[in-house]
All heavy atoms as atom14 arrays in JSON, in Angstrom:
{
  "sequence": "VQTGGSLRLSCAASGSRFRLNDMGWYRQAPGKQREFVARIFGSGS",
  "atom14_mask": [
    [1, 1, 1, 1, 1, 1, 1, 0, 0, 0, 0, 0, 0, 0],
    [1, 1, 1, 1, 1, 1, 1, 1, 1, 0, 0, 0, 0, 0],
    [1, 1, 1, 1, 1, 1, 1, 0, 0, 0, 0, 0, 0, 0],
    [1, 1, 1, 1, 0, 0, 0, 0, 0, 0, 0, 0, 0, 0],
    [1, 1, 1, 1, 0, 0, 0, 0, 0, 0, 0, 0, 0, 0],
    [1, 1, 1, 1, 1, 1, 0, 0, 0, 0, 0, 0, 0, 0],
    [1, 1, 1, 1, 1, 1, 1, 1, 0, 0, 0, 0, 0, 0],
    [1, 1, 1, 1, 1, 1, 1, 1, 1, 1, 1, 0, 0, 0],
    [1, 1, 1, 1, 1, 1, 1, 1, 0, 0, 0, 0, 0, 0],
    [1, 1, 1, 1, 1, 1, 0, 0, 0, 0, 0, 0, 0, 0],
    [1, 1, 1, 1, 1, 1, 0, 0, 0, 0, 0, 0, 0, 0],
    [1, 1, 1, 1, 1, 0, 0, 0, 0, 0, 0, 0, 0, 0],
    [1, 1, 1, 1, 1, 0, 0, 0, 0, 0, 0, 0, 0, 0],
    [1, 1, 1, 1, 1, 1, 0, 0, 0, 0, 0, 0, 0, 0],
    [1, 1, 1, 1, 0, 0, 0, 0, 0, 0, 0, 0, 0, 0],
    [1, 1, 1, 1, 1, 1, 0, 0, 0, 0, 0, 0, 0, 0],
    [1, 1, 1, 1, 1, 1, 1, 1, 1, 1, 1, 0, 0, 0],
    [1, 1, 1, 1, 1, 1, 1, 1, 1, 1, 1, 0, 0, 0],
    [1, 1, 1, 1, 1, 1, 1, 1, 1, 1, 1, 0, 0, 0],
    [1, 1, 1, 1, 1, 1, 1, 1, 0, 0, 0, 0, 0, 0],
    [1, 1, 1, 1, 1, 1, 1, 1, 0, 0, 0, 0, 0, 0],
    [1, 1, 1, 1, 1, 1, 1, 1, 0, 0, 0, 0, 0, 0],
    [1, 1, 1, 1, 1, 1, 1, 1, 0, 0, 0, 0, 0, 0],
    [1, 1, 1, 1, 0, 0, 0, 0, 0, 0, 0, 0, 0, 0],
    [1, 1, 1, 1, 1, 1, 1, 1, 1, 1, 1, 1, 1, 1],
    [1, 1, 1, 1, 1, 1, 1, 1, 1, 1, 1, 1, 0, 0],
    [1, 1, 1, 1, 1, 1, 1, 1, 1, 1, 1, 0, 0, 0],
    [1, 1, 1, 1, 1, 1, 1, 1, 1, 0, 0, 0, 0, 0],
    [1, 1, 1, 1, 1, 0, 0, 0, 0, 0, 0, 0, 0, 0],
    [1, 1, 1, 1, 1, 1, 1, 0, 0, 0, 0, 0, 0, 0],
    [1, 1, 1, 1, 0, 0, 0, 0, 0, 0, 0, 0, 0, 0],
    [1, 1, 1, 1, 1, 1, 1, 1, 1, 0, 0, 0, 0, 0],
    [1, 1, 1, 1, 1, 1, 1, 1, 1, 0, 0, 0, 0, 0],
    [1, 1, 1, 1, 1, 1, 1, 1, 1, 1, 1, 0, 0, 0],
    [1, 1, 1, 1, 1, 1, 1, 1, 1, 0, 0, 0, 0, 0],
    [1, 1, 1, 1, 1, 1, 1, 1, 1, 1, 1, 0, 0, 0],
    [1, 1, 1, 1, 1, 1, 1, 0, 0, 0, 0, 0, 0, 0],
    [1, 1, 1, 1, 1, 0, 0, 0, 0, 0, 0, 0, 0, 0],
    [1, 1, 1, 1, 1, 1, 1, 1, 1, 1, 1, 0, 0, 0],
    [1, 1, 1, 1, 1, 1, 1, 1, 0, 0, 0, 0, 0, 0],
    [1, 1, 1, 1, 1, 1, 1, 1, 1, 1, 1, 0, 0, 0],
    [1, 1, 1, 1, 0, 0, 0, 0, 0, 0, 0, 0, 0, 0],
    [1, 1, 1, 1, 1, 1, 0, 0, 0, 0, 0, 0, 0, 0],
    [1, 1, 1, 1, 0, 0, 0, 0, 0, 0, 0, 0, 0, 0],
    [1, 1, 1, 1, 1, 1, 0, 0, 0, 0, 0, 0, 0, 0]
  ],
  "atom14_positions": [
    [[3.59, -39.55, -6.05], [4.69, -38.68, -5.55], [4.23, -37.24, -5.61], [3.39, -36.9, -6.45], [5.94, -38.93, -6.39], [5.73, -38.53, -7.81], [7.21, -38.32, -5.74], [0.0, 0.0, 0.0], [0.0, 0.0, 0.0], [0.0, 0.0, 0.0], [0.0, 0.0, 0.0], [0.0, 0.0, 0.0], [0.0, 0.0, 0.0], [0.0, 0.0, 0.0]],
    [[4.79, -36.45, -4.71], [4.45, -35.03, -4.77], [5.28, -34.3, -5.81], [6.37, -34.78, -6.24], [4.77, -34.43, -3.39], [3.86, -34.83, -2.26], [4.14, -34.1, -0.96], [5.25, -33.66, -0.7], [3.12, -33.94, -0.16], [0.0, 0.0, 0.0], [0.0, 0.0, 0.0], [0.0, 0.0, 0.0], [0.0, 0.0, 0.0], [0.0, 0.0, 0.0]],
    [[4.8, -33.17, -6.26], [5.54, -32.34, -7.19], [6.92, -32.07, -6.65], [7.1, -31.77, -5.49], [4.82, -30.99, -7.4], [3.51, -31.3, -8.02], [5.56, -30.09, -8.32], [0.0, 0.0, 0.0], [0.0, 0.0, 0.0], [0.0, 0.0, 0.0], [0.0, 0.0, 0.0], [0.0, 0.0, 0.0], [0.0, 0.0, 0.0], [0.0, 0.0, 0.0]],
    [[7.91, -32.24, -7.52], [9.3, -32.07, -7.15], [9.98, -33.38, -6.63], [11.16, -33.39, -6.46], [0.0, 0.0, 0.0], [0.0, 0.0, 0.0], [0.0, 0.0, 0.0], [0.0, 0.0, 0.0], [0.0, 0.0, 0.0], [0.0, 0.0, 0.0], [0.0, 0.0, 0.0], [0.0, 0.0, 0.0], [0.0, 0.0, 0.0], [0.0, 0.0, 0.0]],
    [[9.19, -34.4, -6.46], [9.7, -35.67, -5.99], [10.33, -36.52, -7.05], [10.45, -36.08, -8.21], [0.0, 0.0, 0.0], [0.0, 0.0, 0.0], [0.0, 0.0, 0.0], [0.0, 0.0, 0.0], [0.0, 0.0, 0.0], [0.0, 0.0, 0.0], [0.0, 0.0, 0.0], [0.0, 0.0, 0.0], [0.0, 0.0, 0.0], [0.0, 0.0, 0.0]],
    [[10.71, -37.73, -6.73], [11.44, -38.61, -7.6], [10.81, -40.02, -7.58], [10.28, -40.44, -6.54], [12.92, -38.71, -7.22], [13.59, -37.52, -7.34], [0.0, 0.0, 0.0], [0.0, 0.0, 0.0], [0.0, 0.0, 0.0], [0.0, 0.0, 0.0], [0.0, 0.0, 0.0], [0.0, 0.0, 0.0], [0.0, 0.0, 0.0], [0.0, 0.0, 0.0]],
    [[10.93, -40.71, -8.65], [10.51, -42.09, -8.79], [11.52, -42.82, -9.73], [12.08, -42.11, -10.6], [9.14, -42.26, -9.34], [7.94, -42.05, -8.43], [6.64, -42.17, -9.26], [7.91, -43.02, -7.31], [0.0, 0.0, 0.0], [0.0, 0.0, 0.0], [0.0, 0.0, 0.0], [0.0, 0.0, 0.0], [0.0, 0.0, 0.0], [0.0, 0.0, 0.0]],
    [[11.71, -44.09, -9.51], [12.56, -44.85, -10.39], [11.72, -46.01, -10.92], [11.28, -46.85, -10.13], [13.79, -45.4, -9.68], [14.77, -46.07, -10.59], [15.84, -46.75, -9.83], [17.0, -47.15, -10.65], [17.74, -48.26, -10.41], [17.41, -48.99, -9.4], [18.75, -48.55, -11.19], [0.0, 0.0, 0.0], [0.0, 0.0, 0.0], [0.0, 0.0, 0.0]],
    [[11.53, -46.04, -12.25], [10.86, -47.13, -12.92], [11.81, -48.2, -13.33], [12.98, -47.88, -13.77], [10.01, -46.61, -14.06], [9.02, -45.51, -13.83], [8.27, -45.15, -15.11], [8.1, -45.79, -12.71], [0.0, 0.0, 0.0], [0.0, 0.0, 0.0], [0.0, 0.0, 0.0], [0.0, 0.0, 0.0], [0.0, 0.0, 0.0], [0.0, 0.0, 0.0]],
    [[11.39, -49.41, -13.31], [12.2, -50.52, -13.79], [11.37, -51.35, -14.82], [10.16, -51.39, -14.7], [12.69, -51.46, -12.7], [13.43, -50.74, -11.76], [0.0, 0.0, 0.0], [0.0, 0.0, 0.0], [0.0, 0.0, 0.0], [0.0, 0.0, 0.0], [0.0, 0.0, 0.0], [0.0, 0.0, 0.0], [0.0, 0.0, 0.0], [0.0, 0.0, 0.0]],
    [[12.04, -51.96, -15.76], [11.37, -52.81, -16.73], [12.28, -53.97, -17.07], [13.37, -53.8, -17.59], [11.03, -52.03, -17.95], [10.34, -53.02, -19.28], [0.0, 0.0, 0.0], [0.0, 0.0, 0.0], [0.0, 0.0, 0.0], [0.0, 0.0, 0.0], [0.0, 0.0, 0.0], [0.0, 0.0, 0.0], [0.0, 0.0, 0.0], [0.0, 0.0, 0.0]],
    [[11.82, -55.14, -16.67], [12.64, -56.36, -16.92], [12.06, -57.13, -18.04], [10.87, -57.38, -18.11], [12.63, -57.23, -15.63], [0.0, 0.0, 0.0], [0.0, 0.0, 0.0], [0.0, 0.0, 0.0], [0.0, 0.0, 0.0], [0.0, 0.0, 0.0], [0.0, 0.0, 0.0], [0.0, 0.0, 0.0], [0.0, 0.0, 0.0], [0.0, 0.0, 0.0]],
    [[12.96, -57.51, -19.01], [12.55, -58.26, -20.17], [12.96, -59.73, -20.04], [14.06, -60.03, -19.46], [13.14, -57.68, -21.42], [0.0, 0.0, 0.0], [0.0, 0.0, 0.0], [0.0, 0.0, 0.0], [0.0, 0.0, 0.0], [0.0, 0.0, 0.0], [0.0, 0.0, 0.0], [0.0, 0.0, 0.0], [0.0, 0.0, 0.0], [0.0, 0.0, 0.0]],
    [[12.12, -60.63, -20.52], [12.46, -62.03, -20.46], [11.89, -62.69, -21.72], [10.95, -62.19, -22.38], [11.87, -62.72, -19.23], [10.48, -62.6, -19.2], [0.0, 0.0, 0.0], [0.0, 0.0, 0.0], [0.0, 0.0, 0.0], [0.0, 0.0, 0.0], [0.0, 0.0, 0.0], [0.0, 0.0, 0.0], [0.0, 0.0, 0.0], [0.0, 0.0, 0.0]],
    [[12.47, -63.85, -22.01], [11.92, -64.66, -23.1], [12.41, -64.36, -24.5], [12.04, -64.94, -25.47], [0.0, 0.0, 0.0], [0.0, 0.0, 0.0], [0.0, 0.0, 0.0], [0.0, 0.0, 0.0], [0.0, 0.0, 0.0], [0.0, 0.0, 0.0], [0.0, 0.0, 0.0], [0.0, 0.0, 0.0], [0.0, 0.0, 0.0], [0.0, 0.0, 0.0]],
    [[13.41, -63.39, -24.58], [13.86, -63.06, -25.9], [15.0, -63.97, -26.34], [15.92, -64.13, -25.61], [14.35, -61.58, -25.95], [14.92, -61.31, -27.19], [0.0, 0.0, 0.0], [0.0, 0.0, 0.0], [0.0, 0.0, 0.0], [0.0, 0.0, 0.0], [0.0, 0.0, 0.0], [0.0, 0.0, 0.0], [0.0, 0.0, 0.0], [0.0, 0.0, 0.0]],
    [[14.87, -64.5, -27.54], [15.98, -65.26, -28.1], [16.96, -64.37, -28.82], [18.08, -64.78, -29.18], [15.4, -66.31, -29.07], [14.5, -67.37, -28.49], [14.19, -68.43, -29.54], [13.51, -67.81, -30.67], [13.48, -68.37, -31.9], [14.15, -69.5, -32.16], [12.78, -67.81, -32.86], [0.0, 0.0, 0.0], [0.0, 0.0, 0.0], [0.0, 0.0, 0.0]],
    [[16.53, -63.13, -28.99], [17.38, -62.15, -29.68], [17.85, -61.1, -28.66], [17.13, -60.82, -27.75], [16.65, -61.52, -30.83], [16.06, -62.42, -31.82], [14.73, -62.8, -31.7], [16.79, -62.94, -32.84], [14.16, -63.73, -32.59], [16.26, -63.83, -33.73], [14.92, -64.25, -33.66], [0.0, 0.0, 0.0], [0.0, 0.0, 0.0], [0.0, 0.0, 0.0]],
    [[18.93, -60.51, -28.92], [19.39, -59.43, -28.06], [18.49, -58.24, -28.32], [18.14, -57.9, -29.44], [20.82, -59.04, -28.41], [21.31, -57.9, -27.6], [22.72, -57.46, -28.0], [23.12, -56.24, -27.25], [24.34, -55.69, -27.34], [25.2, -56.19, -28.19], [24.61, -54.62, -26.64], [0.0, 0.0, 0.0], [0.0, 0.0, 0.0], [0.0, 0.0, 0.0]],
    [[18.03, -57.65, -27.25], [17.18, -56.46, -27.35], [18.07, -55.31, -27.9], [19.14, -55.05, -27.36], [16.56, -56.14, -26.04], [15.49, -57.13, -25.56], [14.97, -56.77, -24.2], [14.36, -57.16, -26.54], [0.0, 0.0, 0.0], [0.0, 0.0, 0.0], [0.0, 0.0, 0.0], [0.0, 0.0, 0.0], [0.0, 0.0, 0.0], [0.0, 0.0, 0.0]],
    [[17.58, -54.63, -28.85], [18.31, -53.48, -29.38], [17.96, -52.29, -28.5], [18.48, -52.19, -27.37], [17.93, -53.26, -30.84], [18.35, -54.46, -31.71], [19.45, -54.97, -31.53], [17.49, -54.91, -32.55], [0.0, 0.0, 0.0], [0.0, 0.0, 0.0], [0.0, 0.0, 0.0], [0.0, 0.0, 0.0], [0.0, 0.0, 0.0], [0.0, 0.0, 0.0]],
    [[17.18, -51.35, -29.0], [16.85, -50.22, -28.11], [15.74, -50.61, -27.18], [14.91, -51.45, -27.5], [16.48, -49.01, -28.96], [15.36, -49.3, -29.96], [15.57, -50.18, -30.79], [14.31, -48.6, -29.9], [0.0, 0.0, 0.0], [0.0, 0.0, 0.0], [0.0, 0.0, 0.0], [0.0, 0.0, 0.0], [0.0, 0.0, 0.0], [0.0, 0.0, 0.0]],
    [[15.78, -50.08, -26.02], [14.74, -50.2, -25.02], [14.37, -48.79, -24.55], [15.23, -47.91, -24.62], [15.21, -51.02, -23.82], [15.6, -52.48, -24.14], [16.09, -53.37, -22.71], [14.54, -53.65, -21.87], [0.0, 0.0, 0.0], [0.0, 0.0, 0.0], [0.0, 0.0, 0.0], [0.0, 0.0, 0.0], [0.0, 0.0, 0.0], [0.0, 0.0, 0.0]],
    [[13.14, -48.64, -24.09], [12.81, -47.28, -23.71], [11.44, -47.16, -23.06], [10.84, -48.18, -22.7], [0.0, 0.0, 0.0], [0.0, 0.0, 0.0], [0.0, 0.0, 0.0], [0.0, 0.0, 0.0], [0.0, 0.0, 0.0], [0.0, 0.0, 0.0], [0.0, 0.0, 0.0], [0.0, 0.0, 0.0], [0.0, 0.0, 0.0], [0.0, 0.0, 0.0]],
    [[10.96, -45.94, -23.02], [9.76, -45.65, -22.3], [8.87, -44.64, -23.12], [9.39, -43.74, -23.69], [10.02, -44.99, -20.93], [10.77, -45.85, -19.98], [12.12, -46.0, -19.88], [10.21, -46.8, -19.05], [12.45, -46.95, -18.95], [11.28, -47.43, -18.38], [8.88, -47.08, -18.65], [11.07, -48.35, -17.38], [8.71, -48.02, -17.66], [9.78, -48.65, -17.05]],
    [[7.53, -44.9, -23.08], [6.56, -43.99, -23.56], [5.63, -43.78, -22.42], [5.65, -44.51, -21.41], [5.81, -44.62, -24.75], [6.49, -44.48, -26.08], [7.65, -45.2, -26.39], [6.01, -43.64, -27.1], [8.34, -45.1, -27.57], [6.63, -43.56, -28.33], [7.8, -44.23, -28.55], [8.44, -44.11, -29.75], [0.0, 0.0, 0.0], [0.0, 0.0, 0.0]],
    [[4.77, -42.76, -22.55], [3.76, -42.53, -21.55], [2.45, -42.03, -22.2], [2.46, -41.53, -23.26], [4.24, -41.5, -20.5], [4.42, -40.09, -21.06], [5.05, -39.22, -20.0], [5.3, -37.8, -20.48], [5.93, -36.88, -19.79], [6.49, -37.13, -18.67], [6.07, -35.65, -20.31], [0.0, 0.0, 0.0], [0.0, 0.0, 0.0], [0.0, 0.0, 0.0]],
    [[1.4, -42.27, -21.46], [0.09, -41.86, -21.96], [-0.74, -41.33, -20.81], [-1.03, -42.08, -19.84], [-0.64, -43.02, -22.68], [-1.91, -42.62, -23.32], [-2.43, -43.69, -24.29], [-2.13, -44.83, -24.2], [-3.28, -43.29, -25.25], [0.0, 0.0, 0.0], [0.0, 0.0, 0.0], [0.0, 0.0, 0.0], [0.0, 0.0, 0.0], [0.0, 0.0, 0.0]],
    [[-1.1, -40.09, -20.92], [-1.99, -39.44, -19.96], [-3.47, -39.58, -20.41], [-3.71, -39.74, -21.61], [-1.62, -37.98, -19.78], [0.0, 0.0, 0.0], [0.0, 0.0, 0.0], [0.0, 0.0, 0.0], [0.0, 0.0, 0.0], [0.0, 0.0, 0.0], [0.0, 0.0, 0.0], [0.0, 0.0, 0.0], [0.0, 0.0, 0.0], [0.0, 0.0, 0.0]],
    [[-4.41, -39.49, -19.5], [-5.82, -39.62, -19.91], [-6.19, -38.6, -20.98], [-5.88, -37.43, -20.9], [-6.61, -39.33, -18.62], [-5.66, -39.71, -17.54], [-4.28, -39.38, -18.08], [0.0, 0.0, 0.0], [0.0, 0.0, 0.0], [0.0, 0.0, 0.0], [0.0, 0.0, 0.0], [0.0, 0.0, 0.0], [0.0, 0.0, 0.0], [0.0, 0.0, 0.0]],
    [[-6.86, -39.1, -22.07], [-7.25, -38.2, -23.14], [-6.19, -37.73, -24.1], [-6.46, -36.97, -24.98], [0.0, 0.0, 0.0], [0.0, 0.0, 0.0], [0.0, 0.0, 0.0], [0.0, 0.0, 0.0], [0.0, 0.0, 0.0], [0.0, 0.0, 0.0], [0.0, 0.0, 0.0], [0.0, 0.0, 0.0], [0.0, 0.0, 0.0], [0.0, 0.0, 0.0]],
    [[-4.97, -38.31, -23.92], [-3.86, -37.87, -24.78], [-3.27, -39.09, -25.5], [-3.44, -40.26, -25.05], [-2.81, -37.19, -23.96], [-3.29, -35.85, -23.35], [-2.08, -35.1, -22.76], [-2.49, -33.76, -22.18], [-1.33, -33.01, -21.59], [0.0, 0.0, 0.0], [0.0, 0.0, 0.0], [0.0, 0.0, 0.0], [0.0, 0.0, 0.0], [0.0, 0.0, 0.0]],
    [[-2.56, -38.84, -26.57], [-1.9, -39.93, -27.27], [-0.62, -40.34, -26.5], [-0.07, -39.58, -25.73], [-1.5, -39.44, -28.67], [-2.69, -39.21, -29.6], [-2.23, -38.95, -31.01], [-1.15, -38.43, -31.28], [-3.09, -39.24, -31.98], [0.0, 0.0, 0.0], [0.0, 0.0, 0.0], [0.0, 0.0, 0.0], [0.0, 0.0, 0.0], [0.0, 0.0, 0.0]],
    [[-0.25, -41.59, -26.76], [1.0, -42.08, -26.16], [2.14, -41.29, -26.75], [2.22, -41.02, -27.96], [1.14, -43.56, -26.49], [2.27, -44.19, -25.74], [2.35, -45.69, -25.98], [1.14, -46.4, -25.44], [1.06, -47.71, -25.31], [2.08, -48.48, -25.68], [-0.04, -48.26, -24.86], [0.0, 0.0, 0.0], [0.0, 0.0, 0.0], [0.0, 0.0, 0.0]],
    [[3.07, -40.84, -25.9], [4.18, -40.06, -26.31], [5.52, -40.63, -25.9], [5.61, -41.24, -24.8], [4.08, -38.57, -25.8], [4.13, -38.45, -24.29], [4.13, -36.98, -23.85], [4.03, -36.08, -24.7], [4.26, -36.75, -22.61], [0.0, 0.0, 0.0], [0.0, 0.0, 0.0], [0.0, 0.0, 0.0], [0.0, 0.0, 0.0], [0.0, 0.0, 0.0]],
    [[6.52, -40.35, -26.69], [7.88, -40.87, -26.37], [8.44, -40.14, -25.19], [8.28, -38.89, -25.02], [8.74, -40.63, -27.64], [10.2, -40.76, -27.41], [10.75, -42.05, -27.27], [11.03, -39.7, -27.35], [12.13, -42.16, -27.04], [12.4, -39.81, -27.08], [12.94, -41.07, -26.96], [0.0, 0.0, 0.0], [0.0, 0.0, 0.0], [0.0, 0.0, 0.0]],
    [[9.17, -40.87, -24.38], [9.85, -40.28, -23.2], [11.35, -40.39, -23.34], [12.06, -39.39, -23.33], [9.37, -40.96, -21.92], [10.14, -40.39, -20.69], [7.88, -40.83, -21.71], [0.0, 0.0, 0.0], [0.0, 0.0, 0.0], [0.0, 0.0, 0.0], [0.0, 0.0, 0.0], [0.0, 0.0, 0.0], [0.0, 0.0, 0.0], [0.0, 0.0, 0.0]],
    [[11.85, -41.6, -23.5], [13.31, -41.81, -23.57], [13.6, -43.18, -24.14], [12.76, -44.1, -24.05], [13.94, -41.7, -22.18], [0.0, 0.0, 0.0], [0.0, 0.0, 0.0], [0.0, 0.0, 0.0], [0.0, 0.0, 0.0], [0.0, 0.0, 0.0], [0.0, 0.0, 0.0], [0.0, 0.0, 0.0], [0.0, 0.0, 0.0], [0.0, 0.0, 0.0]],
    [[14.77, -43.35, -24.74], [15.2, -44.65, -25.24], [16.69, -44.76, -25.06], [17.43, -43.74, -24.91], [14.85, -44.85, -26.71], [15.66, -44.06, -27.73], [15.43, -44.59, -29.08], [14.06, -44.55, -29.53], [13.46, -43.51, -30.11], [14.18, -42.44, -30.38], [12.2, -43.62, -30.45], [0.0, 0.0, 0.0], [0.0, 0.0, 0.0], [0.0, 0.0, 0.0]],
    [[17.16, -45.98, -24.96], [18.57, -46.26, -24.82], [18.89, -47.42, -25.72], [18.22, -48.46, -25.74], [18.97, -46.54, -23.32], [20.49, -46.72, -23.23], [18.23, -47.7, -22.75], [20.94, -46.68, -21.74], [0.0, 0.0, 0.0], [0.0, 0.0, 0.0], [0.0, 0.0, 0.0], [0.0, 0.0, 0.0], [0.0, 0.0, 0.0], [0.0, 0.0, 0.0]],
    [[20.04, -47.31, -26.42], [20.45, -48.34, -27.31], [21.47, -49.26, -26.61], [21.98, -48.91, -25.55], [21.09, -47.7, -28.56], [20.09, -46.95, -29.42], [19.86, -45.59, -29.17], [19.38, -47.56, -30.41], [18.97, -44.86, -29.92], [18.45, -46.83, -31.16], [18.25, -45.5, -30.9], [0.0, 0.0, 0.0], [0.0, 0.0, 0.0], [0.0, 0.0, 0.0]],
    [[21.73, -50.42, -27.27], [22.68, -51.31, -26.64], [24.05, -50.7, -26.44], [24.78, -51.12, -25.56], [0.0, 0.0, 0.0], [0.0, 0.0, 0.0], [0.0, 0.0, 0.0], [0.0, 0.0, 0.0], [0.0, 0.0, 0.0], [0.0, 0.0, 0.0], [0.0, 0.0, 0.0], [0.0, 0.0, 0.0], [0.0, 0.0, 0.0], [0.0, 0.0, 0.0]],
    [[24.38, -49.72, -27.28], [25.7, -49.01, -27.14], [25.72, -48.15, -25.94], [26.77, -47.69, -25.52], [25.95, -48.2, -28.38], [24.93, -47.19, -28.51], [0.0, 0.0, 0.0], [0.0, 0.0, 0.0], [0.0, 0.0, 0.0], [0.0, 0.0, 0.0], [0.0, 0.0, 0.0], [0.0, 0.0, 0.0], [0.0, 0.0, 0.0], [0.0, 0.0, 0.0]],
    [[24.51, -47.81, -25.4], [24.45, -46.86, -24.27], [23.99, -45.48, -24.66], [23.78, -44.63, -23.79], [0.0, 0.0, 0.0], [0.0, 0.0, 0.0], [0.0, 0.0, 0.0], [0.0, 0.0, 0.0], [0.0, 0.0, 0.0], [0.0, 0.0, 0.0], [0.0, 0.0, 0.0], [0.0, 0.0, 0.0], [0.0, 0.0, 0.0], [0.0, 0.0, 0.0]],
    [[23.91, -45.19, -25.96], [23.52, -43.88, -26.37], [22.01, -43.72, -26.05], [21.24, -44.65, -26.02], [23.74, -43.66, -27.86], [23.01, -44.62, -28.65], [0.0, 0.0, 0.0], [0.0, 0.0, 0.0], [0.0, 0.0, 0.0], [0.0, 0.0, 0.0], [0.0, 0.0, 0.0], [0.0, 0.0, 0.0], [0.0, 0.0, 0.0], [0.0, 0.0, 0.0]]
  ]
}
């Protein structure tokens, strides 16, 4: 995408016998450590 543009990522979970608590996203750029981006709890927070 160009600078200023938008993307929507999706992540589908399967196989869990337990309810997933928090779900979220991390990212890792070349030569850098993985970093936190966002998380969402089952409550929606």
